[in-house]
Amino acid sequence: MVPVAVLPAAAILMGIGYWIDPNGWGSNSAMAAFLIKSGAAIIDSMPALFAIGVAYGMSKDKDGAAALAGFVGFLVVTTLLSPASVAMIQNIAPGDVSAAFARINNQFVGILVGIVAAEIYNRFSSVELHKTLAFFSGKRLIPILMSMAGIVISFVLMFVWPAIYSGLVSFGASIQDLGAAGAGVYAFFNRLLIPVGLHHALNSVFWFDVAGINDIPNFLGGAKSLAEGTATAGVTGMYQAGFFPIMMFGLPGAALAMYHTAKAKNKDQVASIMVAAGFAAFFTGVTEPLEFAFMFLAPALYVVHAALTGLSVFIAASMQWISGFGFSAGLVDMVLSSQNPLAVNWYMLVLQGFAFFGLYYVIFRFAIVKFNLKTPGREDDDVEESNGVTGSKESGELAKQYLKALGGHGNLENIDACITRLRLTLKDSSLANEKTLKGLGAMGVVKLGSNNLQVILGPLAEIVAGEMKKIPATEDLSNVKLP
């Protein structure tokens, strides 16, 4: 998520540029050209940013040496696997080089290199060399090792990359050939994979340049993408547009239905959750806090949500109502992208959104009441009485509460976070109290294997993770109050 977090910067720069010069796209305004070109610089460098960001984000202590190693590895791999280098190394004519190597500068390779760089950093950043080579000990050793690893990666990819590339392109092409229906199928599985966080892997195929689709960068490229022939008005953005009616309107409609069907005594508590989560979905497009509120309580309802998402994306793609995003399908991105030359009848997505608000509200309310689904506020009454303790509003104190609920520092092998989730590795997962975690404000808890745990916190996840890391291992948590 570190490199993905860079996209909003490009969206803001280019969005404002298109607002300043909606017709000339920079040709009629120096300021617009300045902003659009600045944003394009980020988009054009996304593969390298993935190598740097993934290496940094997956390193154990978020160190710059890991990021540098990722960049070094990316330079080595993309240089050695460029068509000219492959022709020279394999002693073949340039025209005989596989077309796959012309697309070696892509996010897939950036992610792969970043992962390797992070693993090398995590394993060898504390190595001490002989005193004659002491200068290269520790973190200084990592870029050197990564340059060597880059050679190994290049050797392996020289033989397997054509097959991988061909498979990815075939998969992407099979979905593309389905047109609007394919976009709907993609959106359906996008939502179904959210519980385990694997939607990012699927997104990379359609949103970035892994299989030649590259929907987000091509859309944000606007005039440049049109001029270069990498974008088509009414088509580019089809894997993004239909999410706007769902995130801005559909899910808030579901939130309203869950509030109206909650038990009377729980309505105030449910209202606070649904208002915060619904506003996050509408304004920023961050939907996981709201989705996790009912995902595990009413899984059948979540499948309905996934199907409605597929339907929305299918409708938008069929009607060529197009808008795009740099972060997610919320109000901010809709406004920023509205003047993009590739935004076609984007305002119709708002009308579609009103329809989906009603659709979600009616379907959710009917299903909850008809099948007595245990959505928030409708759970079976707990026999234990609450002690009145909830999650602290102060992030440092809240981090201590979560740390204690997870079994303390001694039970945590790794603390990390993405945009909405704490990603944790535990020594003993039985010490993590799911009920207490939810009492502190967690929207959901996902167990992956025997020792990996994800705690859904919403936008607070990164802050809480940082505060948890700052808490000394020797600090006494016995006085920290838990629900």
Protein backbone atom coordinates (compact mmCIF):
# COMPACT_ATOMS: atom_id res chain seq x y z
CA MET A 1 0.00 0.00 0.00
CA VAL A 2 2.99 2.37 0.31
CA PRO A 3 3.37 2.90 -3.47
CA VAL A 4 -0.40 2.99 -3.94
CA ALA A 5 -0.52 5.82 -1.40
CA VAL A 6 1.47 7.92 -3.89
CA LEU A 7 -1.36 7.85 -6.44
CA PRO A 8 -3.50 10.49 -4.68
CA ALA A 9 -0.66 12.98 -5.19
CA ALA A 10 -0.79 12.36 -8.93
CA ALA A 11 -4.60 12.51 -8.92
CA ILE A 12 -4.62 15.85 -7.10
CA LEU A 13 -1.97 17.45 -9.33
CA MET A 14 -3.53 16.26 -12.57
CA GLY A 15 -7.10 16.82 -11.39
CA ILE A 16 -6.43 20.48 -10.54
CA GLY A 17 -4.56 20.88 -13.83
CA TYR A 18 -7.54 19.62 -15.82
CA TRP A 19 -9.84 21.90 -13.82
CA ILE A 20 -7.69 24.92 -14.75
CA ASP A 21 -7.58 24.02 -18.44
CA PRO A 22 -10.46 21.59 -19.20
CA ASN A 23 -10.23 22.09 -22.98
CA GLY A 24 -6.54 22.52 -23.75
CA TRP A 25 -5.29 20.05 -21.09
CA GLY A 26 -2.26 22.27 -20.48
CA SER A 27 -1.79 23.82 -23.89
CA ASN A 28 -3.70 26.99 -22.89
CA SER A 29 -2.27 27.42 -19.40
CA ALA A 30 1.28 27.18 -18.14
CA MET A 31 0.04 26.44 -14.62
CA ALA A 32 -2.20 23.62 -15.86
CA ALA A 33 0.67 22.16 -17.89
CA PHE A 34 2.94 22.42 -14.85
CA LEU A 35 0.49 20.47 -12.67
CA ILE A 36 -0.48 17.87 -15.27
CA LYS A 37 3.14 17.11 -16.14
CA SER A 38 4.03 16.90 -12.44
CA GLY A 39 1.31 14.30 -11.88
CA ALA A 40 2.32 12.42 -15.03
CA ALA A 41 5.86 12.12 -13.68
CA ILE A 42 4.49 10.06 -10.78
CA ILE A 43 2.30 7.89 -13.00
CA ASP A 44 5.13 7.18 -15.44
CA SER A 45 7.40 6.03 -12.61
CA MET A 46 4.94 3.68 -10.90
CA PRO A 47 6.96 0.47 -11.55
CA ALA A 48 10.03 1.94 -9.82
CA LEU A 49 7.84 3.35 -7.04
CA PHE A 50 6.44 -0.13 -6.46
CA ALA A 51 9.97 -1.55 -6.12
CA ILE A 52 10.93 1.19 -3.65
CA GLY A 53 7.63 1.27 -1.76
CA VAL A 54 7.18 -2.49 -1.38
CA ALA A 55 10.78 -2.90 -0.20
CA TYR A 56 10.32 -0.12 2.34
CA GLY A 57 6.83 -1.20 3.44
CA MET A 58 7.76 -4.85 3.97
CA SER A 59 11.06 -4.21 5.73
CA LYS A 60 10.93 -5.00 9.44
CA ASP A 61 11.67 -1.47 10.62
CA LYS A 62 10.73 0.64 7.58
CA ASP A 63 14.32 1.62 6.82
CA GLY A 64 15.58 3.65 3.88
CA ALA A 65 18.28 1.06 3.14
CA ALA A 66 15.56 -1.39 2.12
CA ALA A 67 14.02 1.23 -0.18
CA LEU A 68 17.41 1.94 -1.75
CA ALA A 69 17.97 -1.79 -2.24
CA GLY A 70 14.61 -2.08 -3.97
CA PHE A 71 15.53 0.68 -6.40
CA VAL A 72 18.97 -0.84 -7.06
CA GLY A 73 17.43 -4.24 -7.75
CA PHE A 74 14.85 -2.71 -10.07
CA LEU A 75 17.54 -0.93 -12.09
CA VAL A 76 19.56 -4.13 -12.41
CA VAL A 77 16.61 -6.29 -13.48
CA THR A 78 15.06 -3.85 -15.95
CA THR A 79 18.46 -3.09 -17.52
CA LEU A 80 19.49 -6.74 -17.88
CA LEU A 81 16.08 -7.72 -19.26
CA SER A 82 15.69 -4.85 -21.69
CA PRO A 83 15.27 -6.07 -25.29
CA ALA A 84 18.75 -4.83 -26.28
CA SER A 85 20.42 -6.61 -23.34
CA VAL A 86 18.50 -9.84 -23.91
CA ALA A 87 19.50 -9.85 -27.58
CA MET A 88 23.13 -9.39 -26.60
CA ILE A 89 23.13 -11.96 -23.80
CA GLN A 90 21.30 -14.61 -25.82
CA ASN A 91 23.23 -13.74 -28.97
CA ILE A 92 20.10 -13.35 -31.08
CA ALA A 93 18.84 -10.68 -33.44
CA PRO A 94 16.89 -7.84 -31.75
CA GLY A 95 13.84 -8.79 -33.81
CA ASP A 96 13.85 -12.30 -32.32
CA VAL A 97 13.58 -11.10 -28.74
CA SER A 98 10.27 -12.01 -27.06
CA ALA A 99 7.78 -9.15 -26.93
CA ALA A 100 7.52 -9.80 -23.17
CA PHE A 101 10.84 -8.06 -22.57
CA ALA A 102 9.57 -4.86 -24.13
CA ARG A 103 7.17 -4.72 -21.14
CA ILE A 104 9.66 -5.61 -18.41
CA ASN A 105 9.30 -2.16 -16.85
CA ASN A 106 6.02 -2.89 -15.07
CA GLN A 107 4.48 -3.02 -11.59
CA PHE A 108 4.65 -6.82 -11.40
CA VAL A 109 8.44 -6.74 -11.64
CA GLY A 110 8.54 -3.79 -9.25
CA ILE A 111 6.54 -5.75 -6.65
CA LEU A 112 8.70 -8.87 -7.11
CA VAL A 113 11.95 -6.93 -6.70
CA GLY A 114 10.56 -5.04 -3.71
CA ILE A 115 9.63 -8.26 -1.92
CA VAL A 116 13.10 -9.75 -2.47
CA ALA A 117 14.79 -6.54 -1.31
CA ALA A 118 12.70 -6.51 1.88
CA GLU A 119 13.50 -10.15 2.62
CA ILE A 120 17.22 -9.54 2.12
CA TYR A 121 17.05 -6.52 4.41
CA ASN A 122 15.13 -8.41 7.10
CA ARG A 123 17.62 -11.29 7.07
CA PHE A 124 20.97 -9.57 6.62
CA SER A 125 20.70 -5.99 7.90
CA SER A 126 22.44 -6.96 11.17
CA VAL A 127 25.30 -8.95 9.64
CA GLU A 128 28.79 -7.94 10.80
CA LEU A 129 31.63 -8.54 8.33
CA HIS A 130 35.33 -8.97 9.06
CA LYS A 131 36.92 -5.76 10.33
CA THR A 132 38.65 -5.20 6.97
CA LEU A 133 35.19 -4.92 5.39
CA ALA A 134 33.46 -3.43 8.44
CA PHE A 135 32.34 -0.35 6.48
CA PHE A 136 30.00 -2.57 4.46
CA SER A 137 28.45 -4.28 7.47
CA GLY A 138 24.81 -4.05 8.45
CA LYS A 139 22.53 -1.88 6.34
CA ARG A 140 25.27 -0.85 3.90
CA LEU A 141 25.50 -4.47 2.84
CA ILE A 142 21.88 -4.65 1.67
CA PRO A 143 22.13 -2.74 -1.68
CA ILE A 144 25.23 -4.82 -2.54
CA LEU A 145 23.45 -8.09 -1.86
CA MET A 146 20.40 -6.85 -3.76
CA SER A 147 22.46 -6.01 -6.84
CA MET A 148 23.68 -9.62 -6.84
CA ALA A 149 20.13 -10.87 -6.22
CA GLY A 150 19.03 -8.73 -9.17
CA ILE A 151 21.35 -10.71 -11.42
CA VAL A 152 19.85 -13.99 -10.18
CA ILE A 153 16.31 -12.66 -10.62
CA SER A 154 17.16 -11.53 -14.14
CA PHE A 155 18.59 -14.93 -15.04
CA VAL A 156 15.45 -16.70 -13.84
CA LEU A 157 13.06 -14.20 -15.46
CA MET A 158 14.93 -14.43 -18.75
CA PHE A 159 13.45 -17.91 -19.10
CA VAL A 160 10.17 -17.70 -17.19
CA TRP A 161 9.05 -14.10 -17.78
CA PRO A 162 7.77 -14.75 -21.34
CA ALA A 163 5.50 -17.53 -20.00
CA ILE A 164 4.34 -15.45 -16.99
CA TYR A 165 3.70 -12.46 -19.20
CA SER A 166 1.81 -14.54 -21.73
CA GLY A 167 -0.38 -16.03 -18.98
CA LEU A 168 -1.16 -12.66 -17.43
CA VAL A 169 -1.96 -11.12 -20.80
CA SER A 170 -4.20 -14.07 -21.71
CA PHE A 171 -6.07 -13.74 -18.41
CA GLY A 172 -6.49 -9.98 -18.81
CA ALA A 173 -7.47 -10.35 -22.47
CA SER A 174 -10.10 -12.98 -21.67
CA ILE A 175 -11.75 -10.54 -19.25
CA GLN A 176 -11.31 -7.61 -21.64
CA ASP A 177 -12.95 -9.59 -24.44
CA LEU A 178 -16.06 -9.85 -22.30
CA GLY A 179 -16.29 -6.06 -22.32
CA ALA A 180 -18.69 -4.64 -19.75
CA ALA A 181 -19.57 -8.14 -18.49
CA GLY A 182 -15.89 -8.79 -17.83
CA ALA A 183 -15.66 -5.57 -15.82
CA GLY A 184 -18.60 -6.76 -13.74
CA VAL A 185 -17.02 -10.17 -13.15
CA TYR A 186 -13.81 -8.47 -12.04
CA ALA A 187 -15.70 -6.20 -9.60
CA PHE A 188 -17.59 -9.16 -8.11
CA PHE A 189 -14.36 -11.00 -7.28
CA ASN A 190 -12.73 -7.76 -6.16
CA ARG A 191 -15.23 -7.57 -3.29
CA LEU A 192 -15.17 -11.31 -2.53
CA LEU A 193 -11.40 -11.23 -1.98
CA ILE A 194 -11.47 -8.33 0.49
CA PRO A 195 -11.87 -10.52 3.62
CA VAL A 196 -8.38 -11.97 3.11
CA GLY A 197 -6.83 -8.89 1.51
CA LEU A 198 -6.08 -10.61 -1.81
CA HIS A 199 -8.09 -8.09 -3.83
CA HIS A 200 -4.85 -6.11 -4.26
CA ALA A 201 -3.38 -8.95 -6.32
CA LEU A 202 -6.44 -9.01 -8.59
CA ASN A 203 -6.49 -5.21 -8.82
CA SER A 204 -2.91 -5.10 -10.09
CA VAL A 205 -3.91 -7.02 -13.22
CA PHE A 206 -6.65 -4.57 -14.18
CA TRP A 207 -5.59 -1.29 -12.61
CA PHE A 208 -1.87 -1.38 -13.42
CA ASP A 209 0.41 -2.43 -16.25
CA VAL A 210 0.74 -6.11 -15.40
CA ALA A 211 -1.26 -7.50 -18.31
CA GLY A 212 -1.40 -4.43 -20.55
CA ILE A 213 -4.68 -3.00 -19.17
CA ASN A 214 -3.20 -0.30 -16.87
CA ASP A 215 -6.61 1.29 -16.23
CA ILE A 216 -5.69 3.78 -13.48
CA PRO A 217 -2.46 5.24 -14.95
CA ASN A 218 -4.01 5.40 -18.43
CA PHE A 219 -7.04 7.25 -17.05
CA LEU A 220 -5.00 9.65 -14.96
CA GLY A 221 -2.77 10.25 -17.99
CA GLY A 222 -5.74 11.91 -19.68
CA ALA A 223 -4.63 13.90 -22.72
CA LYS A 224 -1.23 12.20 -22.83
CA SER A 225 -2.81 8.74 -22.84
CA LEU A 226 -5.18 9.79 -25.64
CA ALA A 227 -2.32 11.21 -27.70
CA GLU A 228 -0.22 8.07 -27.23
CA GLY A 229 -3.13 5.78 -28.05
CA THR A 230 -3.02 4.00 -24.69
CA ALA A 231 -6.50 5.20 -23.74
CA THR A 232 -9.94 5.23 -25.36
CA ALA A 233 -12.68 7.61 -24.25
CA GLY A 234 -15.62 5.64 -22.87
CA VAL A 235 -13.52 2.52 -22.31
CA THR A 236 -10.52 3.50 -20.21
CA GLY A 237 -11.75 3.71 -16.63
CA MET A 238 -14.36 0.96 -17.01
CA TYR A 239 -12.69 -1.05 -14.22
CA GLN A 240 -13.10 1.90 -11.85
CA ALA A 241 -16.25 3.86 -12.71
CA GLY A 242 -18.90 1.50 -11.35
CA PHE A 243 -17.34 1.54 -7.89
CA PHE A 244 -18.44 5.16 -7.33
CA PRO A 245 -22.18 4.37 -7.01
CA ILE A 246 -21.35 1.57 -4.55
CA MET A 247 -18.88 3.36 -2.30
CA MET A 248 -20.53 6.78 -2.30
CA PHE A 249 -24.16 5.68 -2.19
CA GLY A 250 -24.79 1.94 -2.01
CA LEU A 251 -22.88 1.16 1.16
CA PRO A 252 -24.22 4.23 3.01
CA GLY A 253 -27.69 2.92 2.05
CA ALA A 254 -26.76 -0.42 3.62
CA ALA A 255 -25.54 1.44 6.72
CA LEU A 256 -28.90 3.19 7.04
CA ALA A 257 -30.72 -0.14 6.74
CA MET A 258 -28.54 -1.69 9.45
CA TYR A 259 -29.22 1.28 11.73
CA HIS A 260 -32.98 1.11 11.20
CA THR A 261 -33.06 -2.64 11.92
CA ALA A 262 -30.83 -2.52 15.03
CA LYS A 263 -32.39 -3.16 18.42
CA ALA A 264 -33.68 0.04 20.02
CA LYS A 265 -31.24 -0.14 22.93
CA ASN A 266 -28.30 -0.45 20.52
CA LYS A 267 -29.27 2.27 18.05
CA ASP A 268 -27.01 4.96 19.50
CA GLN A 269 -23.95 2.72 19.38
CA VAL A 270 -24.79 1.48 15.87
CA ALA A 271 -25.40 5.06 14.69
CA SER A 272 -21.91 6.16 15.75
CA ILE A 273 -20.34 3.25 13.85
CA MET A 274 -22.46 3.62 10.74
CA VAL A 275 -22.15 7.41 10.47
CA ALA A 276 -18.36 7.28 10.70
CA ALA A 277 -17.99 4.30 8.35
CA GLY A 278 -20.62 5.62 5.90
CA PHE A 279 -18.98 9.03 5.71
CA ALA A 280 -15.57 7.44 5.11
CA ALA A 281 -17.04 5.41 2.23
CA PHE A 282 -18.81 8.42 0.69
CA PHE A 283 -16.04 10.98 1.05
CA THR A 284 -12.84 8.96 0.59
CA GLY A 285 -13.97 5.60 -0.79
CA VAL A 286 -12.56 3.67 2.19
CA THR A 287 -15.18 0.95 2.60
CA GLU A 288 -13.55 -1.76 4.71
CA PRO A 289 -14.75 -0.41 8.10
CA LEU A 290 -18.34 -0.61 6.86
CA GLU A 291 -17.93 -3.92 5.01
CA PHE A 292 -16.31 -5.64 7.98
CA ALA A 293 -19.18 -4.48 10.17
CA PHE A 294 -21.43 -7.09 8.52
CA MET A 295 -19.04 -9.30 6.55
CA PHE A 296 -18.71 -12.03 9.17
CA LEU A 297 -21.99 -11.40 10.98
CA ALA A 298 -24.01 -11.90 7.78
CA PRO A 299 -21.78 -13.46 5.07
CA ALA A 300 -24.74 -14.11 2.73
CA LEU A 301 -25.42 -10.38 2.78
CA TYR A 302 -21.80 -9.72 1.86
CA VAL A 303 -22.14 -11.97 -1.21
CA VAL A 304 -25.17 -9.89 -2.19
CA HIS A 305 -23.01 -6.79 -1.80
CA ALA A 306 -20.36 -8.31 -4.08
CA ALA A 307 -22.99 -9.16 -6.69
CA LEU A 308 -24.43 -5.62 -6.56
CA THR A 309 -20.92 -4.22 -7.01
CA GLY A 310 -20.47 -6.36 -10.12
CA LEU A 311 -23.84 -5.16 -11.40
CA SER A 312 -22.91 -1.51 -10.83
CA VAL A 313 -19.59 -1.81 -12.64
CA PHE A 314 -21.31 -3.67 -15.49
CA ILE A 315 -23.96 -0.93 -15.86
CA ALA A 316 -21.43 1.91 -15.81
CA ALA A 317 -19.20 0.15 -18.35
CA SER A 318 -22.17 -0.69 -20.60
CA MET A 319 -23.46 2.88 -20.58
CA GLN A 320 -19.95 4.33 -20.86
CA TRP A 321 -20.41 6.43 -17.74
CA ILE A 322 -16.77 6.84 -16.86
CA SER A 323 -14.81 8.33 -13.99
CA GLY A 324 -11.57 7.26 -12.36
CA PHE A 325 -9.59 7.58 -9.18
CA GLY A 326 -6.11 7.86 -7.79
CA PHE A 327 -7.02 6.53 -4.35
CA SER A 328 -10.56 5.14 -4.24
CA ALA A 329 -14.04 5.79 -5.55
CA GLY A 330 -15.12 8.53 -3.16
CA LEU A 331 -16.32 12.10 -3.56
CA VAL A 332 -12.80 13.57 -3.54
CA ASP A 333 -11.66 11.51 -6.52
CA MET A 334 -14.91 12.05 -8.41
CA VAL A 335 -14.52 15.82 -8.16
CA LEU A 336 -10.82 15.74 -9.06
CA SER A 337 -11.36 13.52 -12.10
CA SER A 338 -14.47 15.27 -13.43
CA GLN A 339 -12.48 17.48 -15.82
CA ASN A 340 -10.24 14.68 -17.03
CA PRO A 341 -10.71 14.33 -20.82
CA LEU A 342 -11.38 10.62 -20.28
CA ALA A 343 -14.27 11.27 -17.84
CA VAL A 344 -17.36 10.56 -19.96
CA ASN A 345 -20.82 11.44 -18.60
CA TRP A 346 -19.37 11.04 -15.10
CA TYR A 347 -22.34 12.83 -13.54
CA MET A 348 -24.56 9.90 -14.52
CA LEU A 349 -22.71 7.87 -11.90
CA VAL A 350 -24.31 10.14 -9.29
CA LEU A 351 -27.79 9.32 -10.62
CA GLN A 352 -26.86 5.65 -10.71
CA GLY A 353 -25.66 6.09 -7.13
CA PHE A 354 -29.06 7.34 -5.96
CA ALA A 355 -30.63 4.25 -7.50
CA PHE A 356 -28.14 1.97 -5.75
CA PHE A 357 -28.68 3.76 -2.44
CA GLY A 358 -32.34 2.76 -2.63
CA LEU A 359 -31.50 -0.72 -3.91
CA TYR A 360 -29.05 -1.40 -1.08
CA TYR A 361 -31.42 -0.01 1.54
CA VAL A 362 -34.40 -2.09 0.40
CA ILE A 363 -32.45 -5.33 -0.12
CA PHE A 364 -30.48 -5.06 3.11
CA ARG A 365 -33.50 -4.11 5.23
CA PHE A 366 -35.65 -6.88 3.74
CA ALA A 367 -32.95 -9.56 4.12
CA ILE A 368 -32.05 -8.53 7.68
CA VAL A 369 -35.65 -8.63 8.87
CA LYS A 370 -36.79 -11.61 6.80
CA PHE A 371 -33.89 -13.89 7.75
CA ASN A 372 -33.16 -12.34 11.15
CA LEU A 373 -29.55 -11.63 10.23
CA LYS A 374 -27.22 -10.68 13.08
CA THR A 375 -25.98 -7.38 11.69
CA PRO A 376 -24.54 -4.73 14.07
CA GLY A 377 -26.97 -4.03 16.89
CA ARG A 378 -28.91 -7.28 16.31
CA GLU A 379 -26.45 -9.73 17.86
CA ASP A 380 -27.63 -12.04 20.62
CA ASP A 381 -27.52 -10.29 23.99
CA ASP A 382 -24.29 -10.98 25.85
CA VAL A 383 -24.76 -12.51 29.25
CA GLU A 384 -21.76 -10.64 30.58
CA GLU A 385 -22.31 -7.08 31.67
CA SER A 386 -20.13 -4.42 30.11
CA ASN A 387 -17.73 -2.65 32.46
CA GLY A 388 -18.30 0.56 30.53
CA VAL A 389 -14.75 0.68 29.12
CA THR A 390 -14.37 1.46 25.41
CA GLY A 391 -11.49 2.32 23.13
CA SER A 392 -9.64 5.49 24.11
CA LYS A 393 -9.88 8.52 21.84
CA GLU A 394 -6.19 9.21 22.47
CA SER A 395 -4.13 7.16 19.99
CA GLY A 396 -1.29 6.39 22.41
CA GLU A 397 -3.64 5.02 25.07
CA LEU A 398 -5.69 3.17 22.44
CA ALA A 399 -2.51 1.48 21.21
CA LYS A 400 -1.81 0.25 24.75
CA GLN A 401 -5.34 -1.15 24.96
CA TYR A 402 -4.93 -3.04 21.69
CA LEU A 403 -1.50 -4.25 22.71
CA LYS A 404 -2.84 -5.66 25.98
CA ALA A 405 -5.82 -7.26 24.21
CA LEU A 406 -3.37 -8.99 21.86
CA GLY A 407 -1.35 -10.51 24.69
CA GLY A 408 1.30 -7.80 25.14
CA HIS A 409 4.65 -7.21 23.45
CA GLY A 410 5.81 -10.68 24.35
CA ASN A 411 3.11 -12.20 22.15
CA LEU A 412 3.80 -10.04 19.09
CA GLU A 413 6.49 -11.04 16.62
CA ASN A 414 5.61 -8.41 14.03
CA ILE A 415 3.45 -5.28 13.89
CA ASP A 416 2.52 -3.76 10.55
CA ALA A 417 -0.40 -1.93 8.96
CA CYS A 418 -1.96 -1.05 5.64
CA ILE A 419 -4.54 1.67 5.09
CA THR A 420 -7.27 0.05 7.20
CA ARG A 421 -5.76 -3.02 8.92
CA LEU A 422 -3.30 -3.93 11.62
CA ARG A 423 -1.29 -6.85 10.21
CA LEU A 424 0.15 -8.87 13.07
CA THR A 425 2.17 -12.03 13.62
CA LEU A 426 1.50 -13.60 17.03
CA LYS A 427 3.38 -16.22 18.99
CA ASP A 428 0.14 -17.54 20.50
CA SER A 429 -3.05 -16.48 18.69
CA SER A 430 -5.22 -17.81 21.54
CA LEU A 431 -4.08 -14.86 23.69
CA ALA A 432 -5.76 -12.39 21.31
CA ASN A 433 -9.25 -11.64 22.62
CA GLU A 434 -11.50 -11.01 19.62
CA LYS A 435 -14.41 -9.81 21.75
CA THR A 436 -12.19 -7.28 23.53
CA LEU A 437 -10.68 -6.07 20.26
CA LYS A 438 -14.16 -5.36 18.91
CA GLY A 439 -15.07 -3.69 22.19
CA LEU A 440 -12.18 -1.29 21.60
CA GLY A 441 -13.62 -0.35 18.21
CA ALA A 442 -12.26 -2.93 15.75
CA MET A 443 -14.74 -3.59 12.94
CA GLY A 444 -13.48 -7.11 12.34
CA VAL A 445 -10.74 -9.64 13.07
CA VAL A 446 -9.34 -11.94 10.38
CA LYS A 447 -7.23 -14.99 11.27
CA LEU A 448 -4.84 -16.16 8.56
CA GLY A 449 -3.19 -19.45 9.40
CA SER A 450 -2.22 -20.20 12.98
CA ASN A 451 -0.25 -17.08 13.85
CA ASN A 452 -1.25 -14.24 11.51
CA LEU A 453 -3.99 -11.82 12.49
CA GLN A 454 -5.53 -8.77 10.83
CA VAL A 455 -7.50 -6.28 12.92
CA ILE A 456 -9.74 -3.94 10.91
CA LEU A 457 -9.53 -0.43 12.36
CA GLY A 458 -10.20 1.84 9.40
CA PRO A 459 -7.96 4.88 8.74
CA LEU A 460 -6.58 4.70 12.31
CA ALA A 461 -4.67 1.48 11.57
CA GLU A 462 -1.37 3.08 10.54
CA ILE A 463 -1.44 5.47 13.54
CA VAL A 464 -2.21 2.73 16.06
CA ALA A 465 0.48 0.45 14.62
CA GLY A 466 3.04 3.23 14.93
CA GLU A 467 2.03 3.95 18.53
CA MET A 468 2.16 0.23 19.41
CA LYS A 469 5.75 0.05 18.15
CA LYS A 470 6.71 3.00 20.36
CA ILE A 471 5.52 1.29 23.56
CA PRO A 472 8.57 -0.10 25.41
CA ALA A 473 8.58 -3.87 25.84
CA THR A 474 9.18 -3.31 29.56
CA GLU A 475 6.12 -1.08 30.09
CA ASP A 476 3.60 -2.41 32.60
CA LEU A 477 0.14 -2.73 30.98
CA SER A 478 -1.61 -4.09 34.05
CA ASN A 479 -3.36 -0.78 34.72
CA VAL A 480 -4.66 -0.45 31.16
CA LYS A 481 -8.45 -0.87 31.22
CA LEU A 482 -10.14 -3.13 28.67
CA PRO A 483 -13.84 -3.69 27.81
